[in-house]
Amino acid sequence: MKATKRPFGHVFGWPFAFPTYIIGPVLVICIWQIASSGGLTDPRFVPPPTKVLSTWINWIFGVSENDQYAGTWLSHARDSSYRVLVGFAIAAACGVSLGLVIGWFRSAAQLIDPVVQILRPIPITAWVPFAVVFFGIRDGSAFFLIALGAFFPIVVNTAAGVQRTPLMLVRAARMLGIRPYMLLPRVVFPAALPSIFTGMRIGIGLAWVLVVVAEMIAVKSGLGFVMWDAYYYVRMDIIIAAMLSVGLLGFVCDRLLIFFSSYLMRWSRGL
């Protein structure tokens, strides 16, 4: 029986399934607008979507010159994206490499995995003083916090993916002449890719969470910094626009990871 390939829209989700994807956000916005129009929320603290949208447009394009935030969105979004990408790249490189070692070599698992599991429950905010002391109030602190937070889900999922590699697959590769030192890169690593990308998706989400934490405390630019700065002026419209900006940028990163994983794992579409 011929295997049925999954449609590309199922893998990527956008733009092929775009009408379905916008139903949820549109419903939330409608409820939000109705609550604001009906007086169920205080517009000073929960501004209506129309106000947030106009503020967001001004923040991006600088329509009004009387607003201190006008026209600054692109530079802050660029700074946040840069920190996320650098921190996530460090976490992915270290997490995948160490996860392969932990998952494949029993002695490494006994030596390294306890350290990882002890450090993993420590809140990333607890590392902020160390980041500031060692890296100062600059990008290095953000890189450290983002990389540290995204590292743990990547290393744990990678190690789990390696350990779940079917023994029958390894034996078949040996029977076909694969040398022992080639099993990890040519057999085990491809088999662990679904778990690796699961960890990377969790990691990129945490990276966007942590860039806000880092920018509120350890650096002086970016979307997180704008949230903290707008708090002092009670600019809830700016805060909500910044929150939505982080959410949308994180969503785009997640979709790109899914697209990249579907390209690398083309062999799995017919399964």
C-alpha atoms as a PDB file:
ATOM      1  CA  MET A   1       0.000   0.000   0.000  1.00  0.00           C
ATOM      2  CA  LYS A   2       1.413   3.349  -1.028  1.00  0.00           C
ATOM      3  CA  ALA A   3       2.149   5.678   1.883  1.00  0.00           C
ATOM      4  CA  THR A   4       0.230   8.930   1.932  1.00  0.00           C
ATOM      5  CA  LYS A   5       2.405  11.995   2.311  1.00  0.00           C
ATOM      6  CA  ARG A   6       1.408  14.637   4.761  1.00  0.00           C
ATOM      7  CA  PRO A   7       0.438  17.922   3.119  1.00  0.00           C
ATOM      8  CA  PHE A   8       3.036  20.645   3.425  1.00  0.00           C
ATOM      9  CA  GLY A   9       0.518  22.880   5.136  1.00  0.00           C
ATOM     10  CA  HIS A  10       0.182  20.323   7.933  1.00  0.00           C
ATOM     11  CA  VAL A  11       3.904  20.523   8.609  1.00  0.00           C
ATOM     12  CA  PHE A  12       4.381  24.248   8.334  1.00  0.00           C
ATOM     13  CA  GLY A  13       0.921  25.483   9.299  1.00  0.00           C
ATOM     14  CA  TRP A  14       1.309  28.828   7.514  1.00  0.00           C
ATOM     15  CA  PRO A  15       0.276  30.159   5.077  1.00  0.00           C
ATOM     16  CA  PHE A  16      -1.587  27.087   3.837  1.00  0.00           C
ATOM     17  CA  ALA A  17      -3.711  26.766   6.981  1.00  0.00           C
ATOM     18  CA  PHE A  18      -3.822  30.526   7.606  1.00  0.00           C
ATOM     19  CA  PRO A  19      -7.641  30.932   7.801  1.00  0.00           C
ATOM     20  CA  THR A  20      -7.830  28.236  10.488  1.00  0.00           C
ATOM     21  CA  TYR A  21      -4.915  29.636  12.465  1.00  0.00           C
ATOM     22  CA  ILE A  22      -6.407  33.110  12.837  1.00  0.00           C
ATOM     23  CA  ILE A  23      -9.769  31.972  14.266  1.00  0.00           C
ATOM     24  CA  GLY A  24      -8.480  31.686  17.842  1.00  0.00           C
ATOM     25  CA  PRO A  25      -6.642  35.049  17.946  1.00  0.00           C
ATOM     26  CA  VAL A  26      -9.602  36.816  16.296  1.00  0.00           C
ATOM     27  CA  LEU A  27     -12.004  35.418  18.909  1.00  0.00           C
ATOM     28  CA  VAL A  28      -9.733  36.578  21.730  1.00  0.00           C
ATOM     29  CA  ILE A  29      -9.489  40.080  20.217  1.00  0.00           C
ATOM     30  CA  CYS A  30     -13.285  40.265  19.778  1.00  0.00           C
ATOM     31  CA  ILE A  31     -13.885  39.268  23.413  1.00  0.00           C
ATOM     32  CA  TRP A  32     -11.251  41.783  24.509  1.00  0.00           C
ATOM     33  CA  GLN A  33     -12.898  44.556  22.460  1.00  0.00           C
ATOM     34  CA  ILE A  34     -16.385  43.708  23.767  1.00  0.00           C
ATOM     35  CA  ALA A  35     -15.131  43.719  27.356  1.00  0.00           C
ATOM     36  CA  SER A  36     -13.469  47.107  26.815  1.00  0.00           C
ATOM     37  CA  SER A  37     -16.505  48.636  25.073  1.00  0.00           C
ATOM     38  CA  GLY A  38     -18.873  47.316  27.739  1.00  0.00           C
ATOM     39  CA  GLY A  39     -16.912  48.861  30.585  1.00  0.00           C
ATOM     40  CA  LEU A  40     -15.876  45.502  32.056  1.00  0.00           C
ATOM     41  CA  THR A  41     -12.238  46.599  32.079  1.00  0.00           C
ATOM     42  CA  ASP A  42     -10.573  49.873  33.040  1.00  0.00           C
ATOM     43  CA  PRO A  43      -9.085  51.368  29.814  1.00  0.00           C
ATOM     44  CA  ARG A  44      -6.290  52.928  31.870  1.00  0.00           C
ATOM     45  CA  PHE A  45      -4.961  49.461  32.747  1.00  0.00           C
ATOM     46  CA  VAL A  46      -6.416  47.278  29.973  1.00  0.00           C
ATOM     47  CA  PRO A  47      -6.664  49.479  26.861  1.00  0.00           C
ATOM     48  CA  PRO A  48      -8.905  48.217  24.034  1.00  0.00           C
ATOM     49  CA  PRO A  49      -7.383  46.487  20.996  1.00  0.00           C
ATOM     50  CA  THR A  50      -7.988  49.559  18.845  1.00  0.00           C
ATOM     51  CA  LYS A  51      -5.841  51.676  21.171  1.00  0.00           C
ATOM     52  CA  VAL A  52      -3.107  49.026  21.297  1.00  0.00           C
ATOM     53  CA  LEU A  53      -3.134  48.740  17.507  1.00  0.00           C
ATOM     54  CA  SER A  54      -2.818  52.505  16.968  1.00  0.00           C
ATOM     55  CA  THR A  55      -0.007  52.644  19.543  1.00  0.00           C
ATOM     56  CA  TRP A  56       1.734  49.713  17.885  1.00  0.00           C
ATOM     57  CA  ILE A  57       1.526  51.360  14.456  1.00  0.00           C
ATOM     58  CA  ASN A  58       2.956  54.580  15.858  1.00  0.00           C
ATOM     59  CA  TRP A  59       5.668  52.633  17.674  1.00  0.00           C
ATOM     60  CA  ILE A  60       6.677  50.966  14.412  1.00  0.00           C
ATOM     61  CA  PHE A  61       6.283  53.765  11.873  1.00  0.00           C
ATOM     62  CA  GLY A  62       6.640  56.904  14.016  1.00  0.00           C
ATOM     63  CA  VAL A  63       3.362  58.539  12.939  1.00  0.00           C
ATOM     64  CA  SER A  64       3.256  60.879  15.934  1.00  0.00           C
ATOM     65  CA  GLU A  65       6.337  62.819  16.964  1.00  0.00           C
ATOM     66  CA  ASN A  66       4.928  63.577  20.420  1.00  0.00           C
ATOM     67  CA  ASP A  67       5.462  59.987  21.620  1.00  0.00           C
ATOM     68  CA  GLN A  68       8.913  59.100  22.970  1.00  0.00           C
ATOM     69  CA  TYR A  69       8.497  55.540  21.681  1.00  0.00           C
ATOM     70  CA  ALA A  70       7.485  56.545  18.138  1.00  0.00           C
ATOM     71  CA  GLY A  71       9.495  54.830  15.425  1.00  0.00           C
ATOM     72  CA  THR A  72      11.702  52.826  17.815  1.00  0.00           C
ATOM     73  CA  TRP A  73      10.102  49.373  17.471  1.00  0.00           C
ATOM     74  CA  LEU A  74      12.408  48.100  14.746  1.00  0.00           C
ATOM     75  CA  SER A  75      15.615  48.819  16.658  1.00  0.00           C
ATOM     76  CA  HIS A  76      14.302  47.193  19.855  1.00  0.00           C
ATOM     77  CA  ALA A  77      12.920  44.174  17.984  1.00  0.00           C
ATOM     78  CA  ARG A  78      16.251  43.809  16.172  1.00  0.00           C
ATOM     79  CA  ASP A  79      18.198  43.894  19.446  1.00  0.00           C
ATOM     80  CA  SER A  80      15.916  41.316  21.068  1.00  0.00           C
ATOM     81  CA  SER A  81      16.027  39.030  18.022  1.00  0.00           C
ATOM     82  CA  TYR A  82      19.812  39.237  17.888  1.00  0.00           C
ATOM     83  CA  ARG A  83      20.137  38.264  21.558  1.00  0.00           C
ATOM     84  CA  VAL A  84      17.678  35.405  21.164  1.00  0.00           C
ATOM     85  CA  LEU A  85      19.421  34.011  18.084  1.00  0.00           C
ATOM     86  CA  VAL A  86      22.914  34.201  19.591  1.00  0.00           C
ATOM     87  CA  GLY A  87      21.838  32.751  22.941  1.00  0.00           C
ATOM     88  CA  PHE A  88      19.785  30.018  21.281  1.00  0.00           C
ATOM     89  CA  ALA A  89      22.618  29.124  18.891  1.00  0.00           C
ATOM     90  CA  ILE A  90      24.983  28.666  21.846  1.00  0.00           C
ATOM     91  CA  ALA A  91      22.388  26.569  23.689  1.00  0.00           C
ATOM     92  CA  ALA A  92      21.655  24.418  20.635  1.00  0.00           C
ATOM     93  CA  ALA A  93      25.321  23.744  19.885  1.00  0.00           C
ATOM     94  CA  CYS A  94      26.154  22.853  23.483  1.00  0.00           C
ATOM     95  CA  GLY A  95      22.875  21.084  24.252  1.00  0.00           C
ATOM     96  CA  VAL A  96      22.841  18.829  21.181  1.00  0.00           C
ATOM     97  CA  SER A  97      26.539  17.941  21.529  1.00  0.00           C
ATOM     98  CA  LEU A  98      26.333  17.155  25.226  1.00  0.00           C
ATOM     99  CA  GLY A  99      22.982  15.371  24.831  1.00  0.00           C
ATOM    100  CA  LEU A 100      24.484  13.031  22.222  1.00  0.00           C
ATOM    101  CA  VAL A 101      27.357  12.224  24.564  1.00  0.00           C
ATOM    102  CA  ILE A 102      25.076  11.651  27.576  1.00  0.00           C
ATOM    103  CA  GLY A 103      22.649   9.526  25.626  1.00  0.00           C
ATOM    104  CA  TRP A 104      25.234   7.346  23.869  1.00  0.00           C
ATOM    105  CA  PHE A 105      27.986   6.833  26.455  1.00  0.00           C
ATOM    106  CA  ARG A 106      26.896   5.321  29.761  1.00  0.00           C
ATOM    107  CA  SER A 107      29.944   6.571  31.647  1.00  0.00           C
ATOM    108  CA  ALA A 108      29.258  10.133  30.454  1.00  0.00           C
ATOM    109  CA  ALA A 109      25.632   9.836  31.548  1.00  0.00           C
ATOM    110  CA  GLN A 110      26.692   8.727  35.029  1.00  0.00           C
ATOM    111  CA  LEU A 111      29.194  11.563  35.284  1.00  0.00           C
ATOM    112  CA  ILE A 112      27.427  14.502  33.615  1.00  0.00           C
ATOM    113  CA  ASP A 113      23.694  13.861  33.818  1.00  0.00           C
ATOM    114  CA  PRO A 114      23.471  14.319  37.647  1.00  0.00           C
ATOM    115  CA  VAL A 115      25.067  17.766  37.286  1.00  0.00           C
ATOM    116  CA  VAL A 116      22.574  18.713  34.587  1.00  0.00           C
ATOM    117  CA  GLN A 117      19.625  17.498  36.645  1.00  0.00           C
ATOM    118  CA  ILE A 118      20.803  19.394  39.746  1.00  0.00           C
ATOM    119  CA  LEU A 119      21.260  22.664  37.863  1.00  0.00           C
ATOM    120  CA  ARG A 120      18.093  22.344  35.757  1.00  0.00           C
ATOM    121  CA  PRO A 121      15.521  23.194  38.505  1.00  0.00           C
ATOM    122  CA  ILE A 122      17.367  26.369  39.538  1.00  0.00           C
ATOM    123  CA  PRO A 123      15.368  29.400  38.274  1.00  0.00           C
ATOM    124  CA  ILE A 124      17.193  31.358  35.608  1.00  0.00           C
ATOM    125  CA  THR A 125      16.450  34.564  37.524  1.00  0.00           C
ATOM    126  CA  ALA A 126      18.727  33.230  40.286  1.00  0.00           C
ATOM    127  CA  TRP A 127      21.622  33.482  37.823  1.00  0.00           C
ATOM    128  CA  VAL A 128      21.011  37.179  37.097  1.00  0.00           C
ATOM    129  CA  PRO A 129      23.449  38.493  39.784  1.00  0.00           C
ATOM    130  CA  PHE A 130      26.202  36.232  38.436  1.00  0.00           C
ATOM    131  CA  ALA A 131      25.471  37.344  34.863  1.00  0.00           C
ATOM    132  CA  VAL A 132      25.712  41.019  35.827  1.00  0.00           C
ATOM    133  CA  VAL A 133      28.885  40.509  37.886  1.00  0.00           C
ATOM    134  CA  PHE A 134      30.734  38.565  35.181  1.00  0.00           C
ATOM    135  CA  PHE A 135      29.364  40.162  32.007  1.00  0.00           C
ATOM    136  CA  GLY A 136      28.146  43.584  33.136  1.00  0.00           C
ATOM    137  CA  ILE A 137      25.099  45.517  31.911  1.00  0.00           C
ATOM    138  CA  ARG A 138      25.494  44.535  28.273  1.00  0.00           C
ATOM    139  CA  ASP A 139      24.705  41.814  25.754  1.00  0.00           C
ATOM    140  CA  GLY A 140      26.949  39.209  27.352  1.00  0.00           C
ATOM    141  CA  SER A 141      24.574  38.931  30.305  1.00  0.00           C
ATOM    142  CA  ALA A 142      21.604  38.373  27.991  1.00  0.00           C
ATOM    143  CA  PHE A 143      23.505  35.759  25.961  1.00  0.00           C
ATOM    144  CA  PHE A 144      24.415  33.886  29.134  1.00  0.00           C
ATOM    145  CA  LEU A 145      20.890  33.862  30.595  1.00  0.00           C
ATOM    146  CA  ILE A 146      19.214  32.912  27.306  1.00  0.00           C
ATOM    147  CA  ALA A 147      21.744  30.197  26.497  1.00  0.00           C
ATOM    148  CA  LEU A 148      21.532  28.733  29.991  1.00  0.00           C
ATOM    149  CA  GLY A 149      17.742  28.620  30.002  1.00  0.00           C
ATOM    150  CA  ALA A 150      17.415  27.147  26.500  1.00  0.00           C
ATOM    151  CA  PHE A 151      20.221  24.643  27.090  1.00  0.00           C
ATOM    152  CA  PHE A 152      18.422  22.336  29.525  1.00  0.00           C
ATOM    153  CA  PRO A 153      15.389  21.296  27.430  1.00  0.00           C
ATOM    154  CA  ILE A 154      17.659  20.756  24.428  1.00  0.00           C
ATOM    155  CA  VAL A 155      20.180  18.550  26.249  1.00  0.00           C
ATOM    156  CA  VAL A 156      17.490  16.511  28.045  1.00  0.00           C
ATOM    157  CA  ASN A 157      15.449  15.892  24.889  1.00  0.00           C
ATOM    158  CA  THR A 158      18.542  15.079  22.846  1.00  0.00           C
ATOM    159  CA  ALA A 159      19.757  12.526  25.391  1.00  0.00           C
ATOM    160  CA  ALA A 160      16.276  10.983  25.562  1.00  0.00           C
ATOM    161  CA  GLY A 161      16.104  10.757  21.769  1.00  0.00           C
ATOM    162  CA  VAL A 162      19.468   8.998  21.605  1.00  0.00           C
ATOM    163  CA  GLN A 163      18.509   6.559  24.351  1.00  0.00           C
ATOM    164  CA  ARG A 164      15.241   5.730  22.579  1.00  0.00           C
ATOM    165  CA  THR A 165      16.978   4.780  19.334  1.00  0.00           C
ATOM    166  CA  PRO A 166      15.632   1.293  18.481  1.00  0.00           C
ATOM    167  CA  LEU A 167      18.224  -1.395  19.172  1.00  0.00           C
ATOM    168  CA  MET A 168      17.031  -3.212  16.050  1.00  0.00           C
ATOM    169  CA  LEU A 169      18.043  -0.187  13.966  1.00  0.00           C
ATOM    170  CA  VAL A 170      21.551  -0.242  15.438  1.00  0.00           C
ATOM    171  CA  ARG A 171      21.883  -3.974  14.847  1.00  0.00           C
ATOM    172  CA  ALA A 172      20.695  -3.616  11.250  1.00  0.00           C
ATOM    173  CA  ALA A 173      23.283  -0.892  10.650  1.00  0.00           C
ATOM    174  CA  ARG A 174      26.024  -3.125  12.061  1.00  0.00           C
ATOM    175  CA  MET A 175      24.924  -5.982   9.811  1.00  0.00           C
ATOM    176  CA  LEU A 176      25.125  -3.647   6.811  1.00  0.00           C
ATOM    177  CA  GLY A 177      28.740  -2.861   7.609  1.00  0.00           C
ATOM    178  CA  ILE A 178      28.533   0.417   9.559  1.00  0.00           C
ATOM    179  CA  ARG A 179      31.611   0.695  11.755  1.00  0.00           C
ATOM    180  CA  PRO A 180      30.995   1.265  15.498  1.00  0.00           C
ATOM    181  CA  TYR A 181      32.435   4.789  15.506  1.00  0.00           C
ATOM    182  CA  MET A 182      30.030   5.762  12.687  1.00  0.00           C
ATOM    183  CA  LEU A 183      26.880   4.599  14.461  1.00  0.00           C
ATOM    184  CA  LEU A 184      26.392   7.829  16.411  1.00  0.00           C
ATOM    185  CA  PRO A 185      26.621  10.322  13.503  1.00  0.00           C
ATOM    186  CA  ARG A 186      25.058   8.160  10.774  1.00  0.00           C
ATOM    187  CA  VAL A 187      22.389   6.140  12.604  1.00  0.00           C
ATOM    188  CA  VAL A 188      21.664   7.402  16.114  1.00  0.00           C
ATOM    189  CA  PHE A 189      21.731  11.144  15.388  1.00  0.00           C
ATOM    190  CA  PRO A 190      19.194  10.971  12.527  1.00  0.00           C
ATOM    191  CA  ALA A 191      16.968   8.710  14.620  1.00  0.00           C
ATOM    192  CA  ALA A 192      17.079  11.224  17.494  1.00  0.00           C
ATOM    193  CA  LEU A 193      16.226  14.254  15.328  1.00  0.00           C
ATOM    194  CA  PRO A 194      12.502  14.352  16.274  1.00  0.00           C
ATOM    195  CA  SER A 195      13.402  14.581  19.969  1.00  0.00           C
ATOM    196  CA  ILE A 196      16.186  17.077  19.258  1.00  0.00           C
ATOM    197  CA  PHE A 197      13.835  19.423  17.424  1.00  0.00           C
ATOM    198  CA  THR A 198      11.246  19.052  20.186  1.00  0.00           C
ATOM    199  CA  GLY A 199      13.863  20.262  22.654  1.00  0.00           C
ATOM    200  CA  MET A 200      14.863  23.083  20.325  1.00  0.00           C
ATOM    201  CA  ARG A 201      11.250  24.242  19.992  1.00  0.00           C
ATOM    202  CA  ILE A 202      10.949  24.362  23.781  1.00  0.00           C
ATOM    203  CA  GLY A 203      14.321  26.093  23.937  1.00  0.00           C
ATOM    204  CA  ILE A 204      13.448  28.836  21.440  1.00  0.00           C
ATOM    205  CA  GLY A 205      10.260  29.558  23.374  1.00  0.00           C
ATOM    206  CA  LEU A 206      12.229  29.871  26.597  1.00  0.00           C
ATOM    207  CA  ALA A 207      14.765  32.056  24.809  1.00  0.00           C
ATOM    208  CA  TRP A 208      12.052  34.631  24.061  1.00  0.00           C
ATOM    209  CA  VAL A 209      10.845  34.439  27.664  1.00  0.00           C
ATOM    210  CA  LEU A 210      14.351  34.966  28.991  1.00  0.00           C
ATOM    211  CA  VAL A 211      15.272  37.797  26.649  1.00  0.00           C
ATOM    212  CA  VAL A 212      12.527  39.827  28.335  1.00  0.00           C
ATOM    213  CA  VAL A 213      13.945  38.969  31.771  1.00  0.00           C
ATOM    214  CA  ALA A 214      17.464  39.846  30.655  1.00  0.00           C
ATOM    215  CA  GLU A 215      16.444  43.136  29.048  1.00  0.00           C
ATOM    216  CA  MET A 216      14.490  44.227  32.093  1.00  0.00           C
ATOM    217  CA  ILE A 217      17.517  43.770  34.335  1.00  0.00           C
ATOM    218  CA  ALA A 218      20.799  43.281  32.507  1.00  0.00           C
ATOM    219  CA  VAL A 219      20.663  45.403  29.317  1.00  0.00           C
ATOM    220  CA  LYS A 220      19.253  48.755  28.242  1.00  0.00           C
ATOM    221  CA  SER A 221      17.507  48.058  24.953  1.00  0.00           C
ATOM    222  CA  GLY A 222      15.088  45.578  23.414  1.00  0.00           C
ATOM    223  CA  LEU A 223      11.411  44.779  23.838  1.00  0.00           C
ATOM    224  CA  GLY A 224      11.838  43.719  27.466  1.00  0.00           C
ATOM    225  CA  PHE A 225      13.531  47.014  28.286  1.00  0.00           C
ATOM    226  CA  VAL A 226      10.649  48.887  26.660  1.00  0.00           C
ATOM    227  CA  MET A 227       8.143  46.944  28.800  1.00  0.00           C
ATOM    228  CA  TRP A 228       9.998  47.897  31.964  1.00  0.00           C
ATOM    229  CA  ASP A 229      10.442  51.511  30.864  1.00  0.00           C
ATOM    230  CA  ALA A 230       6.757  51.845  29.905  1.00  0.00           C
ATOM    231  CA  TYR A 231       5.767  50.515  33.330  1.00  0.00           C
ATOM    232  CA  TYR A 232       7.160  53.668  34.976  1.00  0.00           C
ATOM    233  CA  TYR A 233       4.947  55.831  32.741  1.00  0.00           C
ATOM    234  CA  VAL A 234       1.916  53.518  33.139  1.00  0.00           C
ATOM    235  CA  ARG A 235       1.872  53.042  29.349  1.00  0.00           C
ATOM    236  CA  MET A 236      -0.121  49.830  29.326  1.00  0.00           C
ATOM    237  CA  ASP A 237      -0.718  50.154  25.587  1.00  0.00           C
ATOM    238  CA  ILE A 238       3.033  50.013  24.954  1.00  0.00           C
ATOM    239  CA  ILE A 239       3.440  47.117  27.394  1.00  0.00           C
ATOM    240  CA  ILE A 240       0.726  45.068  25.666  1.00  0.00           C
ATOM    241  CA  ALA A 241       2.125  45.924  22.220  1.00  0.00           C
ATOM    242  CA  ALA A 242       5.571  44.757  23.393  1.00  0.00           C
ATOM    243  CA  MET A 243       4.077  41.554  24.801  1.00  0.00           C
ATOM    244  CA  LEU A 244       2.327  40.833  21.516  1.00  0.00           C
ATOM    245  CA  SER A 245       5.531  41.619  19.624  1.00  0.00           C
ATOM    246  CA  VAL A 246       7.431  39.024  21.655  1.00  0.00           C
ATOM    247  CA  GLY A 247       4.644  36.503  21.102  1.00  0.00           C
ATOM    248  CA  LEU A 248       4.562  37.033  17.339  1.00  0.00           C
ATOM    249  CA  LEU A 249       8.334  36.918  16.951  1.00  0.00           C
ATOM    250  CA  GLY A 250       8.452  33.752  19.037  1.00  0.00           C
ATOM    251  CA  PHE A 251       5.718  32.234  16.872  1.00  0.00           C
ATOM    252  CA  VAL A 252       7.684  33.018  13.709  1.00  0.00           C
ATOM    253  CA  CYS A 253      10.811  31.386  15.172  1.00  0.00           C
ATOM    254  CA  ASP A 254       8.830  28.291  16.116  1.00  0.00           C
ATOM    255  CA  ARG A 255       7.322  28.017  12.605  1.00  0.00           C
ATOM    256  CA  LEU A 256      10.793  28.360  11.066  1.00  0.00           C
ATOM    257  CA  LEU A 257      12.096  25.550  13.274  1.00  0.00           C
ATOM    258  CA  ILE A 258       9.181  23.337  12.216  1.00  0.00           C
ATOM    259  CA  PHE A 259       9.873  24.132   8.565  1.00  0.00           C
ATOM    260  CA  PHE A 260      13.577  23.380   8.980  1.00  0.00           C
ATOM    261  CA  SER A 261      12.890  20.122  10.829  1.00  0.00           C
ATOM    262  CA  SER A 262      10.424  18.990   8.157  1.00  0.00           C
ATOM    263  CA  TYR A 263      13.095  19.638   5.517  1.00  0.00           C
ATOM    264  CA  LEU A 264      15.766  17.661   7.383  1.00  0.00           C
ATOM    265  CA  MET A 265      13.363  14.817   8.157  1.00  0.00           C
ATOM    266  CA  ARG A 266      11.838  14.422   4.710  1.00  0.00           C
ATOM    267  CA  TRP A 267      12.289  10.677   5.127  1.00  0.00           C
ATOM    268  CA  SER A 268       9.630  10.651   7.879  1.00  0.00           C
ATOM    269  CA  ARG A 269       6.762  12.153   5.849  1.00  0.00           C
ATOM    270  CA  GLY A 270       5.643   8.826   4.466  1.00  0.00           C
ATOM    271  CA  LEU A 271       5.698   7.050   7.840  1.00  0.00           C
END
